[in-house]
Amino acid sequence: MPTGSTQGWPTLVIETGISESLPRLRNDANWWFNNSSGAVRIVLVIAVSKARKEITIEKWQLLPPNTPIPVTRATLNHIRQQLPAPMPPRVHQAAGNQRSYNAQVVKIDVDNITGAPLVLPFRALFDRQPRGNEADVVLGKTELRYCARVV
């Protein structure tokens, strides 16, 4: 856990379960954001479907504080298409002001991986700028395929 301003909360949370529990996992992701006042920056929701032999990874984060309300599909699509991908806000937000969104989806099945690479911004994870050889955590198809084999 970084030593910055996260006040004892992790910056990254991983919620996992079987695919039938995906709505529950998404609710759990929101719990982390709401109860940490935004100190939790990213929640990875990982749903495993043994029947379909598929793993779905959703990267949830908070919308930037200046995002217009109500949040429309067009707004979400615009945010998702930004390159580089938007960094999760590094400011604390009261639960009533927070809006989380599914920033990225990666699907892994026996034949394909879509949505890769999964990128976790260094600054969001460690609450500081990278130094030296430090960089974003990037899970490409090779790393994701390895993770899927272990499951």
N, C-alpha and C. Protein backbone atom coordinates (compact mmCIF):
# COMPACT_ATOMS: atom_id res chain seq x y z
N MET A 1 0.85 -1.17 0.00
CA MET A 1 0.00 0.00 0.00
C MET A 1 0.89 1.23 0.00
N PRO A 2 0.60 2.22 -0.85
CA PRO A 2 1.42 3.41 -0.90
C PRO A 2 1.33 4.21 0.39
N THR A 3 2.31 5.05 0.60
CA THR A 3 2.34 5.84 1.84
C THR A 3 1.77 7.23 1.65
N GLY A 4 1.11 7.50 0.54
CA GLY A 4 0.58 8.82 0.25
C GLY A 4 -0.66 9.14 1.06
N SER A 5 -1.65 9.73 0.40
CA SER A 5 -2.83 10.25 1.08
C SER A 5 -4.02 9.29 1.03
N THR A 6 -3.79 7.99 1.01
CA THR A 6 -4.91 7.06 0.91
C THR A 6 -5.50 6.70 2.26
N GLN A 7 -4.95 7.22 3.35
CA GLN A 7 -5.50 7.08 4.70
C GLN A 7 -5.83 5.64 5.07
N GLY A 8 -4.90 4.72 4.81
CA GLY A 8 -5.09 3.34 5.22
C GLY A 8 -5.87 2.48 4.25
N TRP A 9 -6.36 3.04 3.17
CA TRP A 9 -7.09 2.27 2.16
C TRP A 9 -6.13 1.82 1.07
N PRO A 10 -6.37 0.65 0.48
CA PRO A 10 -5.55 0.25 -0.68
C PRO A 10 -5.93 1.10 -1.89
N THR A 11 -5.02 1.27 -2.82
CA THR A 11 -5.34 2.00 -4.04
C THR A 11 -5.91 1.08 -5.11
N LEU A 12 -5.63 -0.23 -4.98
CA LEU A 12 -6.13 -1.23 -5.91
C LEU A 12 -6.82 -2.34 -5.13
N VAL A 13 -8.01 -2.70 -5.58
CA VAL A 13 -8.76 -3.80 -4.96
C VAL A 13 -9.12 -4.78 -6.08
N ILE A 14 -9.05 -6.07 -5.76
CA ILE A 14 -9.45 -7.10 -6.72
C ILE A 14 -10.60 -7.89 -6.11
N GLU A 15 -11.75 -7.86 -6.79
CA GLU A 15 -12.94 -8.61 -6.39
C GLU A 15 -13.11 -9.75 -7.39
N THR A 16 -13.20 -10.98 -6.91
CA THR A 16 -13.33 -12.13 -7.81
C THR A 16 -14.52 -12.99 -7.43
N GLY A 17 -15.03 -13.72 -8.42
CA GLY A 17 -16.14 -14.63 -8.17
C GLY A 17 -16.56 -15.32 -9.45
N ILE A 18 -17.59 -16.14 -9.33
CA ILE A 18 -18.12 -16.82 -10.50
C ILE A 18 -18.98 -15.85 -11.29
N SER A 19 -19.18 -16.12 -12.57
CA SER A 19 -19.84 -15.15 -13.45
C SER A 19 -21.25 -14.80 -13.00
N GLU A 20 -21.95 -15.74 -12.37
CA GLU A 20 -23.31 -15.44 -11.92
C GLU A 20 -23.32 -14.34 -10.85
N SER A 21 -22.18 -14.08 -10.24
CA SER A 21 -22.12 -13.07 -9.18
C SER A 21 -21.61 -11.73 -9.69
N LEU A 22 -21.55 -11.54 -11.01
CA LEU A 22 -21.02 -10.30 -11.57
C LEU A 22 -21.72 -9.05 -11.03
N PRO A 23 -23.06 -9.01 -10.95
CA PRO A 23 -23.70 -7.82 -10.37
C PRO A 23 -23.26 -7.58 -8.92
N ARG A 24 -23.10 -8.66 -8.17
CA ARG A 24 -22.65 -8.53 -6.78
C ARG A 24 -21.22 -7.98 -6.72
N LEU A 25 -20.36 -8.46 -7.60
CA LEU A 25 -18.98 -7.98 -7.65
C LEU A 25 -18.93 -6.49 -7.99
N ARG A 26 -19.80 -6.06 -8.89
CA ARG A 26 -19.87 -4.63 -9.25
C ARG A 26 -20.34 -3.80 -8.06
N ASN A 27 -21.31 -4.32 -7.32
CA ASN A 27 -21.75 -3.61 -6.10
C ASN A 27 -20.62 -3.52 -5.09
N ASP A 28 -19.85 -4.60 -4.96
CA ASP A 28 -18.71 -4.59 -4.05
C ASP A 28 -17.68 -3.54 -4.49
N ALA A 29 -17.48 -3.41 -5.79
CA ALA A 29 -16.55 -2.39 -6.30
C ALA A 29 -17.00 -1.00 -5.86
N ASN A 30 -18.29 -0.73 -6.00
CA ASN A 30 -18.81 0.58 -5.58
C ASN A 30 -18.65 0.78 -4.08
N TRP A 31 -18.79 -0.29 -3.29
CA TRP A 31 -18.59 -0.17 -1.84
C TRP A 31 -17.20 0.38 -1.55
N TRP A 32 -16.19 -0.15 -2.22
CA TRP A 32 -14.82 0.32 -1.98
C TRP A 32 -14.67 1.80 -2.29
N PHE A 33 -15.22 2.24 -3.41
CA PHE A 33 -15.12 3.66 -3.76
C PHE A 33 -15.85 4.52 -2.74
N ASN A 34 -17.09 4.16 -2.43
CA ASN A 34 -17.91 4.97 -1.52
C ASN A 34 -17.33 5.05 -0.12
N ASN A 35 -16.86 3.94 0.41
CA ASN A 35 -16.38 3.92 1.78
C ASN A 35 -14.97 4.47 1.96
N SER A 36 -14.21 4.55 0.87
CA SER A 36 -12.85 5.08 0.97
C SER A 36 -12.77 6.54 0.56
N SER A 37 -13.90 7.16 0.23
CA SER A 37 -13.94 8.55 -0.27
C SER A 37 -13.02 8.73 -1.46
N GLY A 38 -12.90 7.70 -2.27
CA GLY A 38 -12.09 7.80 -3.47
C GLY A 38 -10.63 7.44 -3.28
N ALA A 39 -10.22 7.04 -2.06
CA ALA A 39 -8.83 6.63 -1.85
C ALA A 39 -8.52 5.36 -2.65
N VAL A 40 -9.52 4.47 -2.78
CA VAL A 40 -9.37 3.33 -3.67
C VAL A 40 -9.49 3.88 -5.08
N ARG A 41 -8.48 3.68 -5.90
CA ARG A 41 -8.44 4.27 -7.24
C ARG A 41 -8.97 3.34 -8.32
N ILE A 42 -8.68 2.04 -8.17
CA ILE A 42 -9.07 1.06 -9.20
C ILE A 42 -9.59 -0.19 -8.50
N VAL A 43 -10.70 -0.72 -9.01
CA VAL A 43 -11.18 -2.02 -8.56
C VAL A 43 -11.24 -2.92 -9.80
N LEU A 44 -10.52 -4.03 -9.73
CA LEU A 44 -10.61 -5.03 -10.79
C LEU A 44 -11.67 -6.04 -10.38
N VAL A 45 -12.67 -6.20 -11.22
CA VAL A 45 -13.72 -7.19 -11.01
C VAL A 45 -13.39 -8.35 -11.95
N ILE A 46 -13.15 -9.52 -11.37
CA ILE A 46 -12.77 -10.69 -12.16
C ILE A 46 -13.83 -11.77 -11.97
N ALA A 47 -14.53 -12.09 -13.06
CA ALA A 47 -15.58 -13.10 -13.03
C ALA A 47 -15.13 -14.30 -13.86
N VAL A 48 -15.22 -15.47 -13.27
CA VAL A 48 -14.80 -16.71 -13.93
C VAL A 48 -16.04 -17.52 -14.26
N SER A 49 -16.16 -17.92 -15.52
CA SER A 49 -17.24 -18.81 -15.94
C SER A 49 -16.60 -20.12 -16.38
N LYS A 50 -16.70 -21.12 -15.53
CA LYS A 50 -16.13 -22.43 -15.88
C LYS A 50 -16.95 -23.08 -17.00
N ALA A 51 -18.26 -22.85 -17.03
CA ALA A 51 -19.11 -23.44 -18.06
C ALA A 51 -18.71 -22.93 -19.45
N ARG A 52 -18.48 -21.62 -19.58
CA ARG A 52 -18.09 -21.04 -20.86
C ARG A 52 -16.58 -21.01 -21.05
N LYS A 53 -15.85 -21.42 -20.01
CA LYS A 53 -14.39 -21.37 -20.02
C LYS A 53 -13.92 -19.97 -20.40
N GLU A 54 -14.41 -19.00 -19.61
CA GLU A 54 -14.14 -17.59 -19.92
C GLU A 54 -13.87 -16.83 -18.63
N ILE A 55 -12.96 -15.89 -18.72
CA ILE A 55 -12.67 -14.97 -17.62
C ILE A 55 -12.95 -13.56 -18.13
N THR A 56 -13.71 -12.81 -17.36
CA THR A 56 -13.98 -11.40 -17.68
C THR A 56 -13.33 -10.55 -16.60
N ILE A 57 -12.53 -9.59 -17.04
CA ILE A 57 -11.89 -8.64 -16.12
C ILE A 57 -12.43 -7.26 -16.45
N GLU A 58 -13.03 -6.62 -15.47
CA GLU A 58 -13.51 -5.24 -15.63
C GLU A 58 -12.68 -4.34 -14.74
N LYS A 59 -12.16 -3.27 -15.33
CA LYS A 59 -11.41 -2.28 -14.56
C LYS A 59 -12.34 -1.10 -14.26
N TRP A 60 -12.72 -0.96 -12.99
CA TRP A 60 -13.61 0.11 -12.56
C TRP A 60 -12.79 1.21 -11.91
N GLN A 61 -13.17 2.44 -12.17
CA GLN A 61 -12.55 3.58 -11.52
C GLN A 61 -13.57 4.71 -11.46
N LEU A 62 -13.21 5.77 -10.75
CA LEU A 62 -14.11 6.91 -10.64
C LEU A 62 -13.97 7.82 -11.84
N LEU A 63 -15.09 8.40 -12.23
CA LEU A 63 -15.05 9.41 -13.29
C LEU A 63 -14.33 10.65 -12.77
N PRO A 64 -13.73 11.42 -13.67
CA PRO A 64 -13.15 12.69 -13.24
C PRO A 64 -14.22 13.56 -12.58
N PRO A 65 -13.85 14.34 -11.55
CA PRO A 65 -14.84 15.13 -10.82
C PRO A 65 -15.60 16.13 -11.69
N ASN A 66 -15.04 16.55 -12.83
CA ASN A 66 -15.70 17.55 -13.67
C ASN A 66 -16.59 16.92 -14.75
N THR A 67 -16.85 15.63 -14.68
CA THR A 67 -17.70 14.95 -15.67
C THR A 67 -19.13 15.46 -15.53
N PRO A 68 -19.75 15.87 -16.66
CA PRO A 68 -21.12 16.38 -16.58
C PRO A 68 -22.10 15.31 -16.09
N ILE A 69 -23.06 15.76 -15.30
CA ILE A 69 -24.11 14.89 -14.77
C ILE A 69 -25.42 15.32 -15.43
N PRO A 70 -26.30 14.47 -15.88
CA PRO A 70 -26.18 13.02 -15.82
C PRO A 70 -25.12 12.51 -16.80
N VAL A 71 -24.54 11.36 -16.45
CA VAL A 71 -23.52 10.74 -17.29
C VAL A 71 -24.22 9.94 -18.38
N THR A 72 -23.94 10.30 -19.62
CA THR A 72 -24.57 9.61 -20.75
C THR A 72 -23.63 8.55 -21.32
N ARG A 73 -24.19 7.66 -22.12
CA ARG A 73 -23.36 6.66 -22.81
C ARG A 73 -22.32 7.34 -23.69
N ALA A 74 -22.72 8.42 -24.35
CA ALA A 74 -21.79 9.14 -25.22
C ALA A 74 -20.60 9.67 -24.41
N THR A 75 -20.88 10.20 -23.21
CA THR A 75 -19.80 10.70 -22.35
C THR A 75 -18.87 9.56 -21.96
N LEU A 76 -19.43 8.43 -21.55
CA LEU A 76 -18.61 7.28 -21.16
C LEU A 76 -17.77 6.78 -22.33
N ASN A 77 -18.38 6.69 -23.51
CA ASN A 77 -17.63 6.24 -24.69
C ASN A 77 -16.49 7.20 -25.01
N HIS A 78 -16.75 8.50 -24.88
CA HIS A 78 -15.70 9.50 -25.13
C HIS A 78 -14.54 9.32 -24.14
N ILE A 79 -14.86 9.12 -22.88
CA ILE A 79 -13.82 8.94 -21.86
C ILE A 79 -13.03 7.66 -22.12
N ARG A 80 -13.71 6.57 -22.47
CA ARG A 80 -13.04 5.29 -22.71
C ARG A 80 -12.11 5.35 -23.92
N GLN A 81 -12.40 6.22 -24.89
CA GLN A 81 -11.60 6.29 -26.11
C GLN A 81 -10.40 7.21 -26.00
N GLN A 82 -10.26 7.91 -24.90
CA GLN A 82 -9.13 8.83 -24.74
C GLN A 82 -7.83 8.05 -24.63
N LEU A 83 -6.82 8.52 -25.34
CA LEU A 83 -5.48 7.94 -25.25
C LEU A 83 -4.49 9.03 -24.88
N PRO A 84 -3.68 8.83 -23.87
CA PRO A 84 -3.70 7.66 -23.01
C PRO A 84 -4.98 7.62 -22.19
N ALA A 85 -5.29 6.45 -21.67
CA ALA A 85 -6.51 6.26 -20.89
C ALA A 85 -6.53 7.22 -19.70
N PRO A 86 -7.71 7.72 -19.34
CA PRO A 86 -7.78 8.66 -18.22
C PRO A 86 -7.30 8.04 -16.92
N MET A 87 -6.58 8.83 -16.19
CA MET A 87 -6.08 8.42 -14.89
C MET A 87 -7.22 8.56 -13.88
N PRO A 88 -7.38 7.61 -12.95
CA PRO A 88 -8.40 7.78 -11.92
C PRO A 88 -8.10 9.04 -11.10
N PRO A 89 -9.13 9.74 -10.65
CA PRO A 89 -8.90 10.94 -9.85
C PRO A 89 -8.05 10.63 -8.62
N ARG A 90 -7.15 11.55 -8.28
CA ARG A 90 -6.31 11.36 -7.10
C ARG A 90 -6.78 12.27 -5.97
N VAL A 91 -8.01 12.74 -6.06
CA VAL A 91 -8.56 13.58 -5.01
C VAL A 91 -9.65 12.79 -4.29
N HIS A 92 -9.81 13.08 -3.02
CA HIS A 92 -10.87 12.42 -2.25
C HIS A 92 -12.20 13.05 -2.62
N GLN A 93 -13.21 12.20 -2.76
CA GLN A 93 -14.54 12.66 -3.15
C GLN A 93 -15.56 12.07 -2.18
N ALA A 94 -16.47 12.90 -1.75
CA ALA A 94 -17.56 12.40 -0.91
C ALA A 94 -18.37 11.39 -1.71
N ALA A 95 -18.91 10.39 -1.03
CA ALA A 95 -19.63 9.31 -1.71
C ALA A 95 -20.73 9.84 -2.62
N GLY A 96 -21.42 10.88 -2.22
CA GLY A 96 -22.50 11.42 -3.03
C GLY A 96 -22.04 12.07 -4.32
N ASN A 97 -20.75 12.44 -4.40
CA ASN A 97 -20.21 13.09 -5.59
C ASN A 97 -19.53 12.11 -6.54
N GLN A 98 -19.40 10.87 -6.14
CA GLN A 98 -18.66 9.89 -6.93
C GLN A 98 -19.53 9.24 -7.99
N ARG A 99 -18.92 8.98 -9.12
CA ARG A 99 -19.56 8.19 -10.17
C ARG A 99 -18.49 7.23 -10.68
N SER A 100 -18.72 5.94 -10.48
CA SER A 100 -17.75 4.97 -10.99
C SER A 100 -18.19 4.52 -12.38
N TYR A 101 -17.23 4.03 -13.13
CA TYR A 101 -17.55 3.52 -14.46
C TYR A 101 -16.60 2.39 -14.81
N ASN A 102 -17.04 1.57 -15.73
CA ASN A 102 -16.26 0.45 -16.22
C ASN A 102 -15.32 0.99 -17.29
N ALA A 103 -14.06 1.22 -16.93
CA ALA A 103 -13.11 1.87 -17.82
C ALA A 103 -12.56 0.93 -18.88
N GLN A 104 -12.55 -0.38 -18.59
CA GLN A 104 -11.96 -1.32 -19.54
C GLN A 104 -12.50 -2.72 -19.26
N VAL A 105 -12.70 -3.48 -20.32
CA VAL A 105 -13.12 -4.88 -20.19
C VAL A 105 -12.14 -5.75 -20.98
N VAL A 106 -11.64 -6.78 -20.31
CA VAL A 106 -10.79 -7.78 -20.97
C VAL A 106 -11.51 -9.12 -20.85
N LYS A 107 -11.64 -9.81 -21.97
CA LYS A 107 -12.26 -11.14 -21.97
C LYS A 107 -11.22 -12.15 -22.44
N ILE A 108 -11.13 -13.24 -21.67
CA ILE A 108 -10.19 -14.30 -21.98
C ILE A 108 -10.97 -15.59 -22.10
N ASP A 109 -10.87 -16.25 -23.27
CA ASP A 109 -11.46 -17.58 -23.41
C ASP A 109 -10.39 -18.50 -23.98
N VAL A 110 -10.76 -19.72 -24.32
CA VAL A 110 -9.76 -20.69 -24.76
C VAL A 110 -9.09 -20.28 -26.06
N ASP A 111 -9.76 -19.48 -26.89
CA ASP A 111 -9.21 -19.12 -28.19
C ASP A 111 -8.72 -17.68 -28.31
N ASN A 112 -9.30 -16.76 -27.54
CA ASN A 112 -9.03 -15.34 -27.76
C ASN A 112 -8.86 -14.57 -26.46
N ILE A 113 -8.20 -13.43 -26.61
CA ILE A 113 -8.15 -12.42 -25.55
C ILE A 113 -8.52 -11.11 -26.22
N THR A 114 -9.59 -10.47 -25.73
CA THR A 114 -9.99 -9.18 -26.27
C THR A 114 -9.86 -8.12 -25.18
N GLY A 115 -9.55 -6.90 -25.61
CA GLY A 115 -9.46 -5.78 -24.67
C GLY A 115 -8.09 -5.58 -24.06
N ALA A 116 -7.12 -6.43 -24.39
CA ALA A 116 -5.77 -6.30 -23.84
C ALA A 116 -5.04 -5.17 -24.57
N PRO A 117 -4.07 -4.55 -23.94
CA PRO A 117 -3.51 -4.84 -22.62
C PRO A 117 -4.33 -4.18 -21.51
N LEU A 118 -4.25 -4.76 -20.33
CA LEU A 118 -4.84 -4.17 -19.13
C LEU A 118 -3.78 -3.27 -18.52
N VAL A 119 -4.08 -1.98 -18.43
CA VAL A 119 -3.09 -1.01 -17.95
C VAL A 119 -3.53 -0.45 -16.60
N LEU A 120 -2.63 -0.53 -15.62
CA LEU A 120 -2.86 0.04 -14.30
C LEU A 120 -1.85 1.16 -14.11
N PRO A 121 -2.30 2.43 -14.11
CA PRO A 121 -1.37 3.55 -14.03
C PRO A 121 -0.56 3.55 -12.72
N PHE A 122 0.74 3.71 -12.86
CA PHE A 122 1.64 3.72 -11.70
C PHE A 122 1.18 4.75 -10.68
N ARG A 123 0.88 5.97 -11.14
CA ARG A 123 0.49 7.05 -10.22
C ARG A 123 -0.76 6.70 -9.43
N ALA A 124 -1.70 5.99 -10.05
CA ALA A 124 -2.92 5.60 -9.35
C ALA A 124 -2.63 4.54 -8.29
N LEU A 125 -1.69 3.65 -8.58
CA LEU A 125 -1.37 2.57 -7.66
C LEU A 125 -0.52 3.02 -6.48
N PHE A 126 0.47 3.88 -6.76
CA PHE A 126 1.46 4.21 -5.73
C PHE A 126 1.37 5.65 -5.24
N ASP A 127 0.43 6.41 -5.78
CA ASP A 127 0.16 7.77 -5.31
C ASP A 127 1.39 8.68 -5.43
N ARG A 128 2.19 8.45 -6.46
CA ARG A 128 3.35 9.30 -6.74
C ARG A 128 3.80 9.08 -8.18
N GLN A 129 4.65 9.98 -8.64
CA GLN A 129 5.22 9.85 -9.98
C GLN A 129 6.20 8.68 -10.01
N PRO A 130 6.30 7.97 -11.14
CA PRO A 130 7.31 6.92 -11.24
C PRO A 130 8.72 7.51 -11.28
N ARG A 131 9.67 6.74 -10.75
CA ARG A 131 11.08 7.15 -10.77
C ARG A 131 11.90 6.05 -11.44
N GLY A 132 12.97 6.45 -12.08
CA GLY A 132 13.87 5.47 -12.70
C GLY A 132 13.14 4.58 -13.69
N ASN A 133 13.24 3.28 -13.48
CA ASN A 133 12.62 2.30 -14.38
C ASN A 133 11.17 1.99 -14.03
N GLU A 134 10.61 2.66 -13.04
CA GLU A 134 9.21 2.41 -12.65
C GLU A 134 8.28 2.89 -13.77
N ALA A 135 7.19 2.16 -13.96
CA ALA A 135 6.24 2.50 -15.03
C ALA A 135 4.88 1.90 -14.70
N ASP A 136 3.91 2.21 -15.55
CA ASP A 136 2.58 1.62 -15.41
C ASP A 136 2.70 0.09 -15.45
N VAL A 137 1.77 -0.57 -14.78
CA VAL A 137 1.69 -2.03 -14.85
C VAL A 137 0.87 -2.36 -16.09
N VAL A 138 1.48 -3.08 -17.01
CA VAL A 138 0.81 -3.42 -18.27
C VAL A 138 0.76 -4.94 -18.38
N LEU A 139 -0.47 -5.47 -18.40
CA LEU A 139 -0.67 -6.91 -18.57
C LEU A 139 -1.12 -7.15 -20.01
N GLY A 140 -0.19 -7.62 -20.83
CA GLY A 140 -0.49 -7.92 -22.22
C GLY A 140 -1.11 -9.30 -22.37
N LYS A 141 -1.30 -9.70 -23.60
CA LYS A 141 -1.93 -11.00 -23.86
C LYS A 141 -1.15 -12.16 -23.25
N THR A 142 0.17 -12.09 -23.30
CA THR A 142 0.99 -13.18 -22.74
C THR A 142 0.75 -13.34 -21.25
N GLU A 143 0.79 -12.23 -20.52
CA GLU A 143 0.57 -12.27 -19.07
C GLU A 143 -0.85 -12.69 -18.73
N LEU A 144 -1.81 -12.19 -19.48
CA LEU A 144 -3.21 -12.54 -19.22
C LEU A 144 -3.47 -14.01 -19.52
N ARG A 145 -2.88 -14.53 -20.58
CA ARG A 145 -3.03 -15.95 -20.91
C ARG A 145 -2.45 -16.80 -19.78
N TYR A 146 -1.31 -16.39 -19.24
CA TYR A 146 -0.69 -17.12 -18.13
C TYR A 146 -1.63 -17.12 -16.91
N CYS A 147 -2.18 -15.95 -16.59
CA CYS A 147 -3.11 -15.86 -15.45
C CYS A 147 -4.31 -16.78 -15.66
N ALA A 148 -4.81 -16.84 -16.88
CA ALA A 148 -5.98 -17.68 -17.17
C ALA A 148 -5.64 -19.16 -17.01
N ARG A 149 -4.43 -19.54 -17.36
CA ARG A 149 -4.03 -20.95 -17.22
C ARG A 149 -4.00 -21.37 -15.76
N VAL A 150 -3.61 -20.45 -14.89
CA VAL A 150 -3.52 -20.79 -13.47
C VAL A 150 -4.91 -20.94 -12.86
N VAL A 151 -5.88 -20.25 -13.43
CA VAL A 151 -7.26 -20.35 -12.93
C VAL A 151 -7.84 -21.63 -13.45
